[in-house]
Structures are given as structure tokens and as C-alpha cells.
Amino acid sequence: MIVIRKMRTAEATVVARLHAAAITEGFLNKLGIRFLASLYRGILLDDGSQVWVADRDGEIIGVCAYARNIGAMYRSVLRRRFLRLAFASLPHSLNPLVLKEVLDTFRYPAKQQSQQLPAAEILSIAVDASGRGTGTGRRLLGEAMRQAAMDGVAEIKVVAGADLVAANRFYLACGFVQRAEIIQHGHTLNVYVRSVPPHAVQG
């Protein structure tokens, strides 16, 4: 039986490993499991953000992270955990190319704002290979949509690499519509947006 529930702080490392295994492309993986775990702990500490996991008989097979306001989340995480994140990223962040990507990440919210995209964002959805095809991804997304509805969010966005066929297909199937493209870390990212119906609160 698969249960969707909120992530516990002590599960951050397990979630980080799942993220790294399921989302094999992307900048965050370059900073290592310790960094990812610290980042997920930071997301939990932000009042406007949440992380859910899919728990199958005590085994975490899926994760979804949400931020009501991506810019505010970044500021909150950096304010609370800058030193922890910096140490956790070593030695990966000593690479000049990786450091350049770190700085580019800090500019990410501004890129979104300049295109007048929604502030609310699905930060990640990842499901272990053993849990794919079970509807777990949609259930995790449903939790984020319900939270967004409770937060009074009208629209929510999600970003996927243009070359990630399965991820792009999933978001389109879930009712998202492509609204923009941005360049991040030298790669083209598709930005999808979906309205958040008030009835999402009830599921």
C-alpha cells in the first residue's frame, strides 16, 4: 500500500538519494547527496513550502517538493542554511564550472519574474523505478495542488528540461500548458503552467 504523507526531517538523506537516482540530469546532482539532503531540510523549514513522500510499507519511493513563492523560498533557505549548504557542497562547488552554475541558480527567480510567470512552483517530482506506472506521481502532484489551493494560489508552474521526454509528457498529461522557455546552466528548460482550481482543496 502506498501512502502519501509529509516528509520528516530525518528522511532528507533518503529523499536526496531518491532524487539523485530518479532525476539523473540537472545541476543539483552535481553538488552531491549531502547538498541535496541539506536543501530538502531547508525547504521544510520555509513556511511557504512543503515536501511530500510516497511511502510503500516503510520504503520511500517518491517525493514532491512545492514552494508557494520560489523567490521567497530561495531567500529563506539561504538565510537559514547558507553555511550548511556551502559545506555540504564541498568539494564539488570548488570546480569553477560548477560555481558558475551555482551563481546562475541564484538568478533563477529573477528569470521567472521577468517573464511574468507564477511565483508558485513544483520544485521536484521524483518516483523510484519500482513505483512508476502506479499513479504515484499524479498522487504526489495532487498533494501539491491541494496545498496551492489552500495557499490561495491561482496558477502554479513546473520546469522540465526540453530533452526530458518522459517528464514533459507527464506534465502535459497532468493538465499543464507550456508558457515559456528559459535558459538555465546552458540548457533549454520548458516552463509549464496550470491553473489551480479552488476545489483542489477537497481533492
C-alpha atoms as a PDB file:
ATOM      1  CA  MET A   1       0.000   0.000   0.000  1.00  0.00           C
ATOM      2  CA  ILE A   2       1.337   3.417  -0.972  1.00  0.00           C
ATOM      3  CA  VAL A   3       0.627   6.307   1.402  1.00  0.00           C
ATOM      4  CA  ILE A   4       1.329   9.956   0.540  1.00  0.00           C
ATOM      5  CA  ARG A   5       2.489  11.923   3.600  1.00  0.00           C
ATOM      6  CA  LYS A   6       4.701  14.812   4.592  1.00  0.00           C
ATOM      7  CA  MET A   7       8.432  14.203   4.672  1.00  0.00           C
ATOM      8  CA  ARG A   8      10.158  14.007   8.039  1.00  0.00           C
ATOM      9  CA  THR A   9      13.417  15.880   8.534  1.00  0.00           C
ATOM     10  CA  ALA A  10      15.244  12.643   9.350  1.00  0.00           C
ATOM     11  CA  GLU A  11      14.300  11.301   5.906  1.00  0.00           C
ATOM     12  CA  ALA A  12      16.135  14.024   3.977  1.00  0.00           C
ATOM     13  CA  THR A  13      19.104  11.835   3.022  1.00  0.00           C
ATOM     14  CA  VAL A  14      16.863   9.025   1.780  1.00  0.00           C
ATOM     15  CA  VAL A  15      14.868  11.540  -0.250  1.00  0.00           C
ATOM     16  CA  ALA A  16      18.082  13.058  -1.618  1.00  0.00           C
ATOM     17  CA  ARG A  17      19.232   9.634  -2.829  1.00  0.00           C
ATOM     18  CA  LEU A  18      15.862   9.045  -4.483  1.00  0.00           C
ATOM     19  CA  HIS A  19      16.032  12.470  -6.146  1.00  0.00           C
ATOM     20  CA  ALA A  20      19.537  11.789  -7.474  1.00  0.00           C
ATOM     21  CA  ALA A  21      18.568   8.357  -8.811  1.00  0.00           C
ATOM     22  CA  ALA A  22      15.299   9.436 -10.439  1.00  0.00           C
ATOM     23  CA  ILE A  23      16.308  12.890 -11.717  1.00  0.00           C
ATOM     24  CA  THR A  24      19.585  11.966 -13.329  1.00  0.00           C
ATOM     25  CA  GLU A  25      20.031  15.211 -15.250  1.00  0.00           C
ATOM     26  CA  GLY A  26      20.264  18.648 -13.711  1.00  0.00           C
ATOM     27  CA  PHE A  27      22.604  20.878 -11.809  1.00  0.00           C
ATOM     28  CA  LEU A  28      21.672  19.854  -8.250  1.00  0.00           C
ATOM     29  CA  ASN A  29      23.046  16.344  -8.654  1.00  0.00           C
ATOM     30  CA  LYS A  30      26.484  17.818  -9.339  1.00  0.00           C
ATOM     31  CA  LEU A  31      26.604  19.096  -5.745  1.00  0.00           C
ATOM     32  CA  GLY A  32      26.173  15.664  -4.186  1.00  0.00           C
ATOM     33  CA  ILE A  33      23.789  13.837  -1.846  1.00  0.00           C
ATOM     34  CA  ARG A  34      24.789  15.852   1.251  1.00  0.00           C
ATOM     35  CA  PHE A  35      23.878  19.091  -0.503  1.00  0.00           C
ATOM     36  CA  LEU A  36      20.561  17.709  -1.746  1.00  0.00           C
ATOM     37  CA  ALA A  37      19.672  16.472   1.744  1.00  0.00           C
ATOM     38  CA  SER A  38      20.507  19.865   3.256  1.00  0.00           C
ATOM     39  CA  LEU A  39      18.426  21.593   0.587  1.00  0.00           C
ATOM     40  CA  TYR A  40      15.380  19.415   1.292  1.00  0.00           C
ATOM     41  CA  ARG A  41      15.733  20.179   5.018  1.00  0.00           C
ATOM     42  CA  GLY A  42      15.826  23.872   4.133  1.00  0.00           C
ATOM     43  CA  ILE A  43      12.674  23.587   2.020  1.00  0.00           C
ATOM     44  CA  LEU A  44      10.879  22.035   5.004  1.00  0.00           C
ATOM     45  CA  LEU A  45      11.884  24.996   7.175  1.00  0.00           C
ATOM     46  CA  ASP A  46      10.324  27.520   4.797  1.00  0.00           C
ATOM     47  CA  ASP A  47       6.804  28.431   5.919  1.00  0.00           C
ATOM     48  CA  GLY A  48       5.584  28.643   2.322  1.00  0.00           C
ATOM     49  CA  SER A  49       6.967  25.307   1.161  1.00  0.00           C
ATOM     50  CA  GLN A  50       6.321  21.608   1.685  1.00  0.00           C
ATOM     51  CA  VAL A  51       7.728  18.196   0.797  1.00  0.00           C
ATOM     52  CA  TRP A  52       5.669  15.015   0.498  1.00  0.00           C
ATOM     53  CA  VAL A  53       6.843  11.437   0.119  1.00  0.00           C
ATOM     54  CA  ALA A  54       5.216   8.293  -1.198  1.00  0.00           C
ATOM     55  CA  ASP A  55       5.655   5.632   1.477  1.00  0.00           C
ATOM     56  CA  ARG A  56       5.191   1.994   0.448  1.00  0.00           C
ATOM     57  CA  ASP A  57       5.258  -0.169   3.563  1.00  0.00           C
ATOM     58  CA  GLY A  58       8.031   1.900   5.141  1.00  0.00           C
ATOM     59  CA  GLU A  59      10.026   2.438   1.918  1.00  0.00           C
ATOM     60  CA  ILE A  60      10.087   5.895   0.336  1.00  0.00           C
ATOM     61  CA  ILE A  61       9.503   5.504  -3.397  1.00  0.00           C
ATOM     62  CA  GLY A  62       8.505   9.033  -4.380  1.00  0.00           C
ATOM     63  CA  VAL A  63       8.914  12.687  -3.468  1.00  0.00           C
ATOM     64  CA  CYS A  64       7.323  16.004  -4.405  1.00  0.00           C
ATOM     65  CA  ALA A  65       8.503  19.442  -3.257  1.00  0.00           C
ATOM     66  CA  TYR A  66       6.420  22.631  -3.555  1.00  0.00           C
ATOM     67  CA  ALA A  67       7.041  26.330  -2.945  1.00  0.00           C
ATOM     68  CA  ARG A  68       4.304  28.946  -2.718  1.00  0.00           C
ATOM     69  CA  ASN A  69       6.852  31.544  -3.813  1.00  0.00           C
ATOM     70  CA  ILE A  70      10.107  30.353  -5.369  1.00  0.00           C
ATOM     71  CA  GLY A  71      11.955  33.621  -4.713  1.00  0.00           C
ATOM     72  CA  ALA A  72      10.911  33.717  -1.059  1.00  0.00           C
ATOM     73  CA  MET A  73      11.900  30.062  -0.660  1.00  0.00           C
ATOM     74  CA  TYR A  74      15.379  30.705  -2.046  1.00  0.00           C
ATOM     75  CA  ARG A  75      15.865  33.654   0.311  1.00  0.00           C
ATOM     76  CA  SER A  76      14.621  31.649   3.290  1.00  0.00           C
ATOM     77  CA  VAL A  77      16.860  28.662   2.568  1.00  0.00           C
ATOM     78  CA  LEU A  78      19.952  30.805   2.007  1.00  0.00           C
ATOM     79  CA  ARG A  79      19.303  32.869   5.136  1.00  0.00           C
ATOM     80  CA  ARG A  80      18.836  29.826   7.353  1.00  0.00           C
ATOM     81  CA  ARG A  81      21.270  27.350   5.810  1.00  0.00           C
ATOM     82  CA  PHE A  82      23.887  29.166   3.731  1.00  0.00           C
ATOM     83  CA  LEU A  83      26.879  27.800   5.644  1.00  0.00           C
ATOM     84  CA  ARG A  84      25.419  24.296   5.884  1.00  0.00           C
ATOM     85  CA  LEU A  85      24.751  24.273   2.143  1.00  0.00           C
ATOM     86  CA  ALA A  86      28.202  25.648   1.375  1.00  0.00           C
ATOM     87  CA  PHE A  87      29.951  22.948   3.427  1.00  0.00           C
ATOM     88  CA  ALA A  88      27.640  20.230   2.118  1.00  0.00           C
ATOM     89  CA  SER A  89      28.506  21.136  -1.475  1.00  0.00           C
ATOM     90  CA  LEU A  90      32.254  20.588  -0.958  1.00  0.00           C
ATOM     91  CA  PRO A  91      34.358  19.574  -2.818  1.00  0.00           C
ATOM     92  CA  HIS A  92      32.012  19.773  -5.831  1.00  0.00           C
ATOM     93  CA  SER A  93      31.491  23.540  -5.598  1.00  0.00           C
ATOM     94  CA  LEU A  94      35.249  24.170  -5.825  1.00  0.00           C
ATOM     95  CA  ASN A  95      35.024  23.386  -9.543  1.00  0.00           C
ATOM     96  CA  PRO A  96      34.850  26.794 -11.338  1.00  0.00           C
ATOM     97  CA  LEU A  97      32.280  25.480 -13.804  1.00  0.00           C
ATOM     98  CA  VAL A  98      30.041  24.231 -11.004  1.00  0.00           C
ATOM     99  CA  LEU A  99      30.473  27.511  -9.100  1.00  0.00           C
ATOM    100  CA  LYS A 100      29.326  29.364 -12.216  1.00  0.00           C
ATOM    101  CA  GLU A 101      26.186  27.229 -12.249  1.00  0.00           C
ATOM    102  CA  VAL A 102      25.611  27.973  -8.545  1.00  0.00           C
ATOM    103  CA  LEU A 103      25.628  31.701  -9.312  1.00  0.00           C
ATOM    104  CA  ASP A 104      23.290  31.115 -12.253  1.00  0.00           C
ATOM    105  CA  THR A 105      20.907  29.307  -9.888  1.00  0.00           C
ATOM    106  CA  PHE A 106      20.709  32.395  -7.677  1.00  0.00           C
ATOM    107  CA  ARG A 107      19.469  34.323 -10.735  1.00  0.00           C
ATOM    108  CA  TYR A 108      16.752  31.753 -11.455  1.00  0.00           C
ATOM    109  CA  PRO A 109      13.856  33.508  -9.611  1.00  0.00           C
ATOM    110  CA  ALA A 110      14.614  36.773 -11.424  1.00  0.00           C
ATOM    111  CA  LYS A 111      14.410  34.994 -14.793  1.00  0.00           C
ATOM    112  CA  GLN A 112      10.984  33.672 -13.841  1.00  0.00           C
ATOM    113  CA  GLN A 113       9.788  37.085 -12.679  1.00  0.00           C
ATOM    114  CA  SER A 114      10.965  38.811 -15.854  1.00  0.00           C
ATOM    115  CA  GLN A 115       8.646  36.560 -17.894  1.00  0.00           C
ATOM    116  CA  GLN A 116       5.722  37.212 -15.532  1.00  0.00           C
ATOM    117  CA  LEU A 117       5.428  33.561 -14.571  1.00  0.00           C
ATOM    118  CA  PRO A 118       3.622  32.360 -11.429  1.00  0.00           C
ATOM    119  CA  ALA A 119       5.626  32.523  -8.207  1.00  0.00           C
ATOM    120  CA  ALA A 120       4.315  29.136  -7.034  1.00  0.00           C
ATOM    121  CA  GLU A 121       6.299  26.167  -8.310  1.00  0.00           C
ATOM    122  CA  ILE A 122       6.550  22.395  -8.192  1.00  0.00           C
ATOM    123  CA  LEU A 123      10.235  22.126  -7.303  1.00  0.00           C
ATOM    124  CA  SER A 124      10.570  18.408  -7.940  1.00  0.00           C
ATOM    125  CA  ILE A 125       8.609  15.236  -8.544  1.00  0.00           C
ATOM    126  CA  ALA A 126      10.570  12.003  -8.492  1.00  0.00           C
ATOM    127  CA  VAL A 127       9.372   8.406  -8.345  1.00  0.00           C
ATOM    128  CA  ASP A 128      11.573   5.336  -7.958  1.00  0.00           C
ATOM    129  CA  ALA A 129      11.579   2.937 -10.910  1.00  0.00           C
ATOM    130  CA  SER A 130       9.665   0.375  -8.828  1.00  0.00           C
ATOM    131  CA  GLY A 131       6.838   2.858  -8.265  1.00  0.00           C
ATOM    132  CA  ARG A 132       6.350   4.102 -11.812  1.00  0.00           C
ATOM    133  CA  GLY A 133       3.126   3.227 -13.539  1.00  0.00           C
ATOM    134  CA  THR A 134       1.222   3.132 -10.235  1.00  0.00           C
ATOM    135  CA  GLY A 135      -0.159   6.675 -10.362  1.00  0.00           C
ATOM    136  CA  THR A 136       2.196   7.746  -7.578  1.00  0.00           C
ATOM    137  CA  GLY A 137       3.459  10.780  -9.482  1.00  0.00           C
ATOM    138  CA  ARG A 138      -0.084  12.048 -10.017  1.00  0.00           C
ATOM    139  CA  ARG A 139      -0.938  11.493  -6.351  1.00  0.00           C
ATOM    140  CA  LEU A 140       2.116  13.468  -5.251  1.00  0.00           C
ATOM    141  CA  LEU A 141       1.196  16.253  -7.664  1.00  0.00           C
ATOM    142  CA  GLY A 142      -2.322  16.206  -6.236  1.00  0.00           C
ATOM    143  CA  GLU A 143      -0.967  16.985  -2.764  1.00  0.00           C
ATOM    144  CA  ALA A 144       0.927  19.979  -4.145  1.00  0.00           C
ATOM    145  CA  MET A 145      -2.183  21.205  -5.973  1.00  0.00           C
ATOM    146  CA  ARG A 146      -4.257  20.937  -2.796  1.00  0.00           C
ATOM    147  CA  GLN A 147      -1.632  22.888  -0.863  1.00  0.00           C
ATOM    148  CA  ALA A 148      -1.522  25.537  -3.588  1.00  0.00           C
ATOM    149  CA  ALA A 149      -5.314  25.854  -3.428  1.00  0.00           C
ATOM    150  CA  MET A 150      -5.168  26.293   0.358  1.00  0.00           C
ATOM    151  CA  ASP A 151      -2.482  28.941  -0.153  1.00  0.00           C
ATOM    152  CA  GLY A 152      -4.780  30.865  -2.477  1.00  0.00           C
ATOM    153  CA  VAL A 153      -2.544  30.284  -5.493  1.00  0.00           C
ATOM    154  CA  ALA A 154      -4.229  30.908  -8.865  1.00  0.00           C
ATOM    155  CA  GLU A 155      -1.545  29.356 -11.076  1.00  0.00           C
ATOM    156  CA  ILE A 156       1.423  27.088 -10.499  1.00  0.00           C
ATOM    157  CA  LYS A 157       4.385  26.267 -12.703  1.00  0.00           C
ATOM    158  CA  VAL A 158       6.870  23.471 -13.167  1.00  0.00           C
ATOM    159  CA  VAL A 159      10.106  23.388 -15.165  1.00  0.00           C
ATOM    160  CA  ALA A 160      11.453  20.450 -17.183  1.00  0.00           C
ATOM    161  CA  GLY A 161      14.483  20.069 -19.403  1.00  0.00           C
ATOM    162  CA  ALA A 162      13.415  20.279 -23.043  1.00  0.00           C
ATOM    163  CA  ASP A 163      15.104  16.954 -23.797  1.00  0.00           C
ATOM    164  CA  LEU A 164      13.449  15.037 -20.922  1.00  0.00           C
ATOM    165  CA  VAL A 165      10.723  13.363 -22.947  1.00  0.00           C
ATOM    166  CA  ALA A 166       9.030  11.444 -20.110  1.00  0.00           C
ATOM    167  CA  ALA A 167       8.880  14.460 -17.776  1.00  0.00           C
ATOM    168  CA  ASN A 168       7.459  16.737 -20.465  1.00  0.00           C
ATOM    169  CA  ARG A 169       4.860  14.123 -21.413  1.00  0.00           C
ATOM    170  CA  PHE A 170       3.869  13.691 -17.745  1.00  0.00           C
ATOM    171  CA  TYR A 171       3.222  17.391 -17.141  1.00  0.00           C
ATOM    172  CA  LEU A 172       1.245  17.780 -20.348  1.00  0.00           C
ATOM    173  CA  ALA A 173      -0.852  14.749 -19.378  1.00  0.00           C
ATOM    174  CA  CYS A 174      -1.491  16.351 -15.973  1.00  0.00           C
ATOM    175  CA  GLY A 175      -3.021  19.481 -17.500  1.00  0.00           C
ATOM    176  CA  PHE A 176      -0.016  21.783 -17.653  1.00  0.00           C
ATOM    177  CA  VAL A 177       0.462  24.023 -20.688  1.00  0.00           C
ATOM    178  CA  GLN A 178       3.833  25.246 -21.897  1.00  0.00           C
ATOM    179  CA  ARG A 179       4.066  29.002 -21.464  1.00  0.00           C
ATOM    180  CA  ALA A 180       7.747  29.818 -21.821  1.00  0.00           C
ATOM    181  CA  GLU A 181      11.307  28.644 -22.319  1.00  0.00           C
ATOM    182  CA  ILE A 182      14.281  29.732 -20.250  1.00  0.00           C
ATOM    183  CA  ILE A 183      17.975  29.011 -20.491  1.00  0.00           C
ATOM    184  CA  GLN A 184      19.497  27.688 -17.268  1.00  0.00           C
ATOM    185  CA  HIS A 185      23.042  26.326 -16.973  1.00  0.00           C
ATOM    186  CA  GLY A 186      23.275  26.430 -20.758  1.00  0.00           C
ATOM    187  CA  HIS A 187      20.248  24.159 -21.246  1.00  0.00           C
ATOM    188  CA  THR A 188      16.774  24.921 -22.545  1.00  0.00           C
ATOM    189  CA  LEU A 189      14.034  24.415 -19.971  1.00  0.00           C
ATOM    190  CA  ASN A 190      10.337  24.249 -20.743  1.00  0.00           C
ATOM    191  CA  VAL A 191       8.142  26.145 -18.280  1.00  0.00           C
ATOM    192  CA  TYR A 192       4.674  24.672 -17.829  1.00  0.00           C
ATOM    193  CA  VAL A 193       1.786  26.419 -16.072  1.00  0.00           C
ATOM    194  CA  ARG A 194      -1.526  25.117 -14.781  1.00  0.00           C
ATOM    195  CA  SER A 195      -4.401  26.885 -13.064  1.00  0.00           C
ATOM    196  CA  VAL A 196      -5.186  25.806  -9.512  1.00  0.00           C
ATOM    197  CA  PRO A 197      -8.929  25.189  -9.104  1.00  0.00           C
ATOM    198  CA  PRO A 198     -10.352  26.022  -5.658  1.00  0.00           C
ATOM    199  CA  HIS A 199     -11.909  22.541  -5.450  1.00  0.00           C
ATOM    200  CA  ALA A 200      -8.392  21.078  -5.358  1.00  0.00           C
ATOM    201  CA  VAL A 201      -8.599  21.614  -1.586  1.00  0.00           C
ATOM    202  CA  GLN A 202     -11.084  18.768  -1.401  1.00  0.00           C
ATOM    203  CA  GLY A 203      -9.043  16.671  -3.841  1.00  0.00           C
END
